[in-house]
């Protein structure tokens, strides 16, 4: 059987954004997507930044605006926030295909 995502769970940050717009507090959204998910998979070395963990991380930001979220039956939710991935740290190295200037500012490296 082929594996394919054909909406509405397009990616993790979209799913997280839906929960945020339905009223879940941001710390709970992040925990559900990280440490709680790792515990459900019985992989305690994942989902946190504590010593001894894998340590991969995603830098996220929240955009304000109007965003249309669709569920599995086609119902729409217009949300006022959207979680955006600014880039990731994998194996201790920064990676993002578009090299976010926001990360450079946060890291004290200034704009390009």
Protein backbone atom coordinates (compact mmCIF):
# COMPACT_ATOMS: atom_id res chain seq x y z
CA UNK A 1 0.00 0.00 0.00
CA UNK A 2 1.55 3.35 -1.00
CA UNK A 3 2.10 5.98 1.67
CA UNK A 4 0.93 9.45 0.73
CA UNK A 5 -0.41 12.51 2.51
CA UNK A 6 -3.05 14.17 0.41
CA UNK A 7 -4.22 16.72 3.01
CA UNK A 8 -5.44 18.01 5.33
CA UNK A 9 -2.48 17.06 7.57
CA UNK A 10 -0.03 18.69 5.20
CA UNK A 11 2.83 19.09 7.66
CA UNK A 12 3.55 19.30 11.37
CA UNK A 13 3.51 23.10 11.67
CA UNK A 14 0.10 23.28 9.93
CA UNK A 15 -1.30 20.73 12.36
CA UNK A 16 0.24 22.63 15.27
CA UNK A 17 -1.26 25.88 13.91
CA UNK A 18 -4.73 24.33 13.85
CA UNK A 19 -4.49 23.43 17.54
CA UNK A 20 -3.16 26.89 18.40
CA UNK A 21 -6.09 28.53 16.58
CA UNK A 22 -8.56 26.25 18.38
CA UNK A 23 -7.37 27.68 21.69
CA UNK A 24 -4.63 25.31 22.86
CA UNK A 25 -1.88 27.34 24.59
CA UNK A 26 1.41 27.46 22.65
CA UNK A 27 3.43 25.57 25.33
CA UNK A 28 0.87 22.74 25.16
CA UNK A 29 0.98 22.70 21.34
CA UNK A 30 4.78 22.42 21.42
CA UNK A 31 4.71 19.72 24.13
CA UNK A 32 2.12 17.69 22.20
CA UNK A 33 4.34 17.79 19.14
CA UNK A 34 7.62 17.07 20.91
CA UNK A 35 8.03 15.51 24.35
CA UNK A 36 4.53 14.00 24.53
CA UNK A 37 4.87 12.48 21.06
CA UNK A 38 8.28 11.05 21.99
CA UNK A 39 6.85 9.50 25.16
CA UNK A 40 3.96 7.97 23.19
CA UNK A 41 6.56 6.37 20.89
CA UNK A 42 8.61 5.24 23.92
CA UNK A 43 11.56 7.26 22.61
CA UNK A 44 12.53 9.45 25.60
CA UNK A 45 15.76 10.54 23.87
CA UNK A 46 13.59 12.47 21.38
CA UNK A 47 11.37 15.49 21.92
CA UNK A 48 13.47 17.48 24.38
CA UNK A 49 16.68 19.47 24.67
CA UNK A 50 17.79 18.00 28.00
CA UNK A 51 21.33 16.57 28.35
CA UNK A 52 21.63 13.18 26.68
CA UNK A 53 18.82 13.82 24.20
CA UNK A 54 19.31 13.94 20.43
CA UNK A 55 19.05 17.75 20.55
CA UNK A 56 17.58 18.39 17.12
CA UNK A 57 15.34 21.44 17.22
CA UNK A 58 13.11 23.61 15.04
CA UNK A 59 13.08 27.38 15.40
CA UNK A 60 9.48 28.52 14.97
CA UNK A 61 7.75 31.87 14.76
CA UNK A 62 4.10 32.83 14.80
CA UNK A 63 2.63 34.93 12.00
CA UNK A 64 -0.48 37.00 12.60
CA UNK A 65 -3.13 37.28 9.90
CA UNK A 66 -6.02 35.28 8.50
CA UNK A 67 -5.30 31.67 7.60
CA UNK A 68 -7.68 29.03 6.27
CA UNK A 69 -7.31 25.59 7.86
CA UNK A 70 -9.22 22.60 6.51
CA UNK A 71 -10.02 19.38 8.38
CA UNK A 72 -10.44 15.84 7.09
CA UNK A 73 -14.13 16.30 6.21
CA UNK A 74 -13.57 19.62 4.44
CA UNK A 75 -14.66 21.93 7.25
CA UNK A 76 -12.81 25.25 7.35
CA UNK A 77 -11.42 27.15 10.32
CA UNK A 78 -10.21 30.70 9.78
CA UNK A 79 -7.41 31.23 12.27
CA UNK A 80 -5.58 34.39 13.23
CA UNK A 81 -2.17 32.76 13.77
CA UNK A 82 0.14 30.45 11.85
CA UNK A 83 3.21 28.63 13.14
CA UNK A 84 6.10 28.89 10.69
CA UNK A 85 9.35 26.94 10.65
CA UNK A 86 12.28 29.35 10.40
CA UNK A 87 14.79 26.50 10.19
CA UNK A 88 16.15 23.52 12.06
CA UNK A 89 19.21 22.36 13.94
CA UNK A 90 20.09 18.79 13.00
CA UNK A 91 23.10 17.10 14.51
CA UNK A 92 24.28 20.44 15.87
CA UNK A 93 24.21 22.20 12.50
CA UNK A 94 21.84 24.95 11.33
CA UNK A 95 19.85 24.11 8.21
CA UNK A 96 17.23 25.92 6.20
CA UNK A 97 16.90 25.99 2.43
CA UNK A 98 16.29 29.75 2.38
CA UNK A 99 18.67 30.81 5.18
CA UNK A 100 16.30 32.82 7.35
CA UNK A 101 17.52 36.31 8.23
CA UNK A 102 15.38 36.13 11.39
CA UNK A 103 17.61 33.33 12.73
CA UNK A 104 20.73 35.38 12.00
CA UNK A 105 19.26 38.31 14.00
CA UNK A 106 18.38 35.99 16.90
CA UNK A 107 21.87 34.50 16.80
CA UNK A 108 23.44 37.99 16.79
CA UNK A 109 24.81 37.67 13.28
CA UNK A 110 22.81 40.53 11.74
CA UNK A 111 20.94 40.56 8.45
CA UNK A 112 22.57 39.24 5.27
